[in-house]
């Protein structure tokens, strides 16, 4: 418990120093765990050599945590540079996962102007200043006893230019958002043989392959939520 409290304090301090407002955390029981997923930019020299979606690997978060109800979430487009298309793009990314399972995973996202993130029982997406080399960060809270995911927050890095057209000099929002929304129960993959999968933990400027799911991504989401 002491380690968890220290970790939460450090996470809040890092976000505060980066200029991203942080909501006050509600009282948490000892069963609440937080996990942080950092999506890294891959250097051009290490760009994916071959696109192959047939890899069957997937990784469950903490052995299989998941949502127990349909996910509602908010999106603040400010800072993206593509405000008018952001919410619709997130909806398209959500639908990519919904299409592969009988469960109703996501409600349509809501556009908001709030900028705070933190453990407040609100799933929220914002743009903020992160270190170069980090494309986005997803924070997830879940109950260790029940294996229920309770909340997520996402921060997309204003350091990068964003696009919805696959522009070569920008991060493609649908590509990155589909990956981040995969943290509805799936963790990052880093093995070279998994480079073609949506849940691979690196992305590059102009990349659009993560807009669609590979075999391992589909197997993972169906393992959690059914076919």
Protein backbone atom coordinates (compact mmCIF):
# COMPACT_ATOMS: atom_id res chain seq x y z
CA UNK A 1 0.00 0.00 0.00
CA UNK A 2 2.83 2.38 0.86
CA UNK A 3 4.40 1.75 -2.57
CA UNK A 4 1.06 2.43 -4.32
CA UNK A 5 0.54 5.72 -2.46
CA UNK A 6 4.07 6.88 -3.30
CA UNK A 7 3.52 5.94 -6.94
CA UNK A 8 0.31 7.94 -7.15
CA UNK A 9 1.94 10.97 -5.58
CA UNK A 10 4.85 10.80 -8.03
CA UNK A 11 2.50 10.45 -11.00
CA UNK A 12 0.52 13.51 -9.90
CA UNK A 13 3.75 15.46 -9.39
CA UNK A 14 5.00 14.59 -12.90
CA UNK A 15 1.74 15.66 -14.52
CA UNK A 16 1.60 18.87 -12.49
CA UNK A 17 5.12 19.82 -13.56
CA UNK A 18 4.23 19.16 -17.20
CA UNK A 19 1.37 21.66 -17.02
CA UNK A 20 -1.48 19.12 -17.26
CA UNK A 21 -4.11 19.81 -14.56
CA UNK A 22 -4.67 16.88 -12.22
CA UNK A 23 -7.93 16.22 -10.43
CA UNK A 24 -7.96 15.51 -6.73
CA UNK A 25 -8.05 11.76 -6.15
CA UNK A 26 -11.06 10.29 -4.30
CA UNK A 27 -10.40 7.92 -1.39
CA UNK A 28 -9.26 4.55 -2.75
CA UNK A 29 -9.37 1.19 -1.06
CA UNK A 30 -6.30 -1.01 -0.87
CA UNK A 31 -7.69 -3.06 -3.77
CA UNK A 32 -7.34 -0.26 -6.33
CA UNK A 33 -4.32 -0.54 -8.62
CA UNK A 34 -3.04 1.95 -11.18
CA UNK A 35 -1.09 1.05 -14.30
CA UNK A 36 0.53 3.43 -16.81
CA UNK A 37 1.03 2.66 -20.51
CA UNK A 38 3.54 4.82 -22.40
CA UNK A 39 3.32 4.77 -26.20
CA UNK A 40 6.72 5.54 -27.66
CA UNK A 41 7.73 7.00 -31.00
CA UNK A 42 9.87 4.61 -32.99
CA UNK A 43 12.96 6.08 -34.70
CA UNK A 44 12.76 6.11 -38.48
CA UNK A 45 15.77 3.79 -38.71
CA UNK A 46 13.73 1.12 -36.91
CA UNK A 47 10.61 1.50 -39.01
CA UNK A 48 8.52 -1.63 -39.49
CA UNK A 49 10.00 -3.59 -42.44
CA UNK A 50 6.96 -5.72 -43.29
CA UNK A 51 3.27 -5.37 -42.45
CA UNK A 52 1.96 -8.76 -41.32
CA UNK A 53 -1.26 -8.92 -39.29
CA UNK A 54 -1.24 -12.68 -38.77
CA UNK A 55 0.76 -12.76 -35.51
CA UNK A 56 -1.41 -14.34 -32.82
CA UNK A 57 0.12 -12.82 -29.69
CA UNK A 58 -1.75 -10.69 -27.19
CA UNK A 59 -1.15 -9.63 -23.60
CA UNK A 60 -3.86 -9.34 -20.95
CA UNK A 61 -3.48 -6.66 -18.28
CA UNK A 62 -2.76 -8.25 -14.88
CA UNK A 63 -3.98 -11.62 -16.05
CA UNK A 64 -7.34 -10.46 -17.31
CA UNK A 65 -8.87 -7.25 -15.96
CA UNK A 66 -11.74 -5.79 -17.99
CA UNK A 67 -14.71 -3.44 -18.00
CA UNK A 68 -17.96 -4.74 -16.55
CA UNK A 69 -20.14 -2.23 -18.41
CA UNK A 70 -20.12 -0.16 -21.60
CA UNK A 71 -17.41 2.52 -21.51
CA UNK A 72 -18.39 6.20 -21.64
CA UNK A 73 -15.63 8.73 -22.15
CA UNK A 74 -14.95 12.41 -22.81
CA UNK A 75 -12.57 14.00 -25.31
CA UNK A 76 -11.12 17.52 -25.20
CA UNK A 77 -9.68 18.28 -28.69
CA UNK A 78 -7.88 21.45 -27.56
CA UNK A 79 -4.19 21.24 -28.42
CA UNK A 80 -4.62 18.65 -31.17
CA UNK A 81 -4.58 21.12 -34.04
CA UNK A 82 -7.40 19.11 -35.68
CA UNK A 83 -10.24 19.95 -33.30
CA UNK A 84 -13.17 19.46 -35.68
CA UNK A 85 -12.33 15.85 -36.54
CA UNK A 86 -11.07 14.56 -33.20
CA UNK A 87 -14.28 13.24 -31.63
CA UNK A 88 -15.38 11.46 -34.80
CA UNK A 89 -11.95 9.88 -35.12
CA UNK A 90 -12.12 8.51 -31.60
CA UNK A 91 -15.54 7.11 -32.35
CA UNK A 92 -14.11 5.32 -35.40
CA UNK A 93 -11.31 3.87 -33.27
CA UNK A 94 -13.81 2.70 -30.65
CA UNK A 95 -15.91 1.04 -33.35
CA UNK A 96 -12.87 -0.89 -34.57
CA UNK A 97 -12.79 -2.78 -31.27
CA UNK A 98 -16.57 -3.03 -30.94
CA UNK A 99 -16.80 -4.72 -34.32
CA UNK A 100 -14.77 -7.71 -33.10
CA UNK A 101 -16.81 -8.65 -30.03
CA UNK A 102 -20.44 -9.22 -29.10
CA UNK A 103 -19.99 -6.94 -26.09
CA UNK A 104 -20.95 -3.28 -26.42
CA UNK A 105 -17.57 -1.89 -25.38
CA UNK A 106 -17.89 1.86 -26.04
CA UNK A 107 -20.52 4.55 -26.07
CA UNK A 108 -19.91 7.42 -28.49
CA UNK A 109 -17.40 9.89 -26.99
CA UNK A 110 -18.53 13.29 -25.74
CA UNK A 111 -16.74 16.54 -26.60
CA UNK A 112 -15.83 18.57 -23.52
CA UNK A 113 -13.64 21.52 -22.51
CA UNK A 114 -12.43 20.20 -19.15
CA UNK A 115 -8.68 19.56 -18.96
CA UNK A 116 -8.20 17.80 -15.63
CA UNK A 117 -7.29 14.15 -15.38
CA UNK A 118 -6.85 11.87 -12.38
CA UNK A 119 -8.81 9.38 -10.32
CA UNK A 120 -12.23 11.05 -10.41
CA UNK A 121 -14.45 8.33 -11.95
CA UNK A 122 -14.45 10.12 -15.32
CA UNK A 123 -12.81 8.63 -18.41
CA UNK A 124 -11.16 11.57 -20.16
CA UNK A 125 -8.87 12.22 -23.14
CA UNK A 126 -6.82 15.43 -23.31
CA UNK A 127 -3.80 16.90 -25.10
CA UNK A 128 -0.83 18.08 -23.05
CA UNK A 129 2.93 18.59 -23.02
CA UNK A 130 4.85 15.31 -22.65
CA UNK A 131 8.51 14.55 -23.29
CA UNK A 132 9.59 14.18 -26.93
CA UNK A 133 9.60 10.51 -27.86
CA UNK A 134 6.35 9.85 -25.99
CA UNK A 135 3.31 9.90 -28.28
CA UNK A 136 0.63 9.30 -25.65
CA UNK A 137 0.11 7.98 -22.14
CA UNK A 138 -2.86 5.98 -20.86
CA UNK A 139 -3.55 5.67 -17.13
CA UNK A 140 -5.78 2.82 -15.98
CA UNK A 141 -7.30 2.06 -12.58
CA UNK A 142 -8.75 -1.32 -11.70
CA UNK A 143 -9.93 -3.31 -8.71
CA UNK A 144 -7.48 -6.13 -7.97
CA UNK A 145 -10.08 -8.19 -6.12
CA UNK A 146 -12.85 -8.06 -8.73
CA UNK A 147 -10.66 -7.63 -11.86
CA UNK A 148 -12.90 -4.72 -12.88
CA UNK A 149 -11.45 -1.73 -14.75
CA UNK A 150 -12.76 1.42 -13.09
CA UNK A 151 -11.38 4.34 -15.08
CA UNK A 152 -8.95 5.48 -17.76
CA UNK A 153 -7.38 8.82 -18.67
CA UNK A 154 -5.30 9.54 -21.77
CA UNK A 155 -2.86 12.33 -22.61
CA UNK A 156 -1.78 12.90 -26.22
CA UNK A 157 1.44 14.82 -26.74
CA UNK A 158 1.23 18.36 -28.13
CA UNK A 159 4.90 18.02 -29.12
CA UNK A 160 3.77 16.16 -32.24
CA UNK A 161 1.71 17.34 -35.17
CA UNK A 162 -1.53 15.37 -35.46
CA UNK A 163 -3.45 14.33 -38.55
CA UNK A 164 -6.44 12.23 -39.59
CA UNK A 165 -5.17 11.67 -43.14
CA UNK A 166 -1.98 9.71 -42.60
CA UNK A 167 0.23 12.72 -43.31
CA UNK A 168 3.88 11.68 -43.36
CA UNK A 169 4.96 14.45 -40.98
CA UNK A 170 2.30 13.80 -38.31
CA UNK A 171 1.01 11.19 -35.91
CA UNK A 172 -2.18 9.68 -37.29
CA UNK A 173 -4.87 10.08 -34.64
CA UNK A 174 -6.97 7.06 -35.61
CA UNK A 175 -3.86 4.89 -35.63
CA UNK A 176 -2.76 5.99 -32.16
CA UNK A 177 -6.26 6.18 -30.64
CA UNK A 178 -7.08 2.63 -31.73
CA UNK A 179 -3.98 1.44 -29.91
CA UNK A 180 -4.71 3.46 -26.76
CA UNK A 181 -8.35 2.32 -26.63
CA UNK A 182 -7.05 -1.25 -26.81
CA UNK A 183 -5.97 -0.78 -23.22
CA UNK A 184 -9.54 -1.73 -22.36
CA UNK A 185 -7.93 -4.93 -21.18
CA UNK A 186 -4.93 -5.45 -23.44
CA UNK A 187 -1.33 -4.52 -22.68
CA UNK A 188 1.52 -3.42 -24.93
CA UNK A 189 3.55 -5.84 -27.03
CA UNK A 190 7.25 -5.29 -27.74
CA UNK A 191 8.51 -8.42 -29.47
CA UNK A 192 9.74 -7.77 -33.05
CA UNK A 193 7.39 -10.44 -34.37
CA UNK A 194 4.42 -8.42 -33.06
CA UNK A 195 5.28 -5.20 -34.91
CA UNK A 196 2.25 -5.55 -37.18
CA UNK A 197 -0.27 -5.68 -34.35
CA UNK A 198 -2.28 -2.72 -33.10
CA UNK A 199 -1.10 -3.31 -29.53
CA UNK A 200 2.58 -3.08 -30.47
CA UNK A 201 4.00 -0.41 -28.17
CA UNK A 202 5.80 1.77 -30.74
CA UNK A 203 4.51 3.93 -33.60
CA UNK A 204 5.96 6.26 -36.24
CA UNK A 205 5.03 9.46 -38.05
CA UNK A 206 2.63 8.76 -40.89
CA UNK A 207 1.80 5.25 -39.66
CA UNK A 208 -1.80 4.13 -40.26
CA UNK A 209 -1.57 0.34 -39.84
CA UNK A 210 -2.90 0.37 -36.29
CA UNK A 211 -6.25 1.66 -37.54
CA UNK A 212 -7.17 -1.98 -38.20
CA UNK A 213 -6.69 -4.94 -35.87
CA UNK A 214 -4.41 -7.89 -36.44
CA UNK A 215 -5.11 -11.49 -35.52
CA UNK A 216 -3.57 -11.23 -32.04
CA UNK A 217 -5.55 -8.06 -31.25
CA UNK A 218 -8.80 -9.76 -32.21
CA UNK A 219 -7.98 -12.92 -30.25
CA UNK A 220 -7.18 -10.79 -27.19
CA UNK A 221 -10.35 -8.72 -27.20
CA UNK A 222 -12.46 -11.83 -27.76
CA UNK A 223 -10.70 -13.62 -24.92
CA UNK A 224 -11.91 -10.84 -22.60
CA UNK A 225 -15.31 -9.89 -23.99
CA UNK A 226 -16.45 -12.79 -26.20
CA UNK A 227 -16.90 -13.14 -29.94
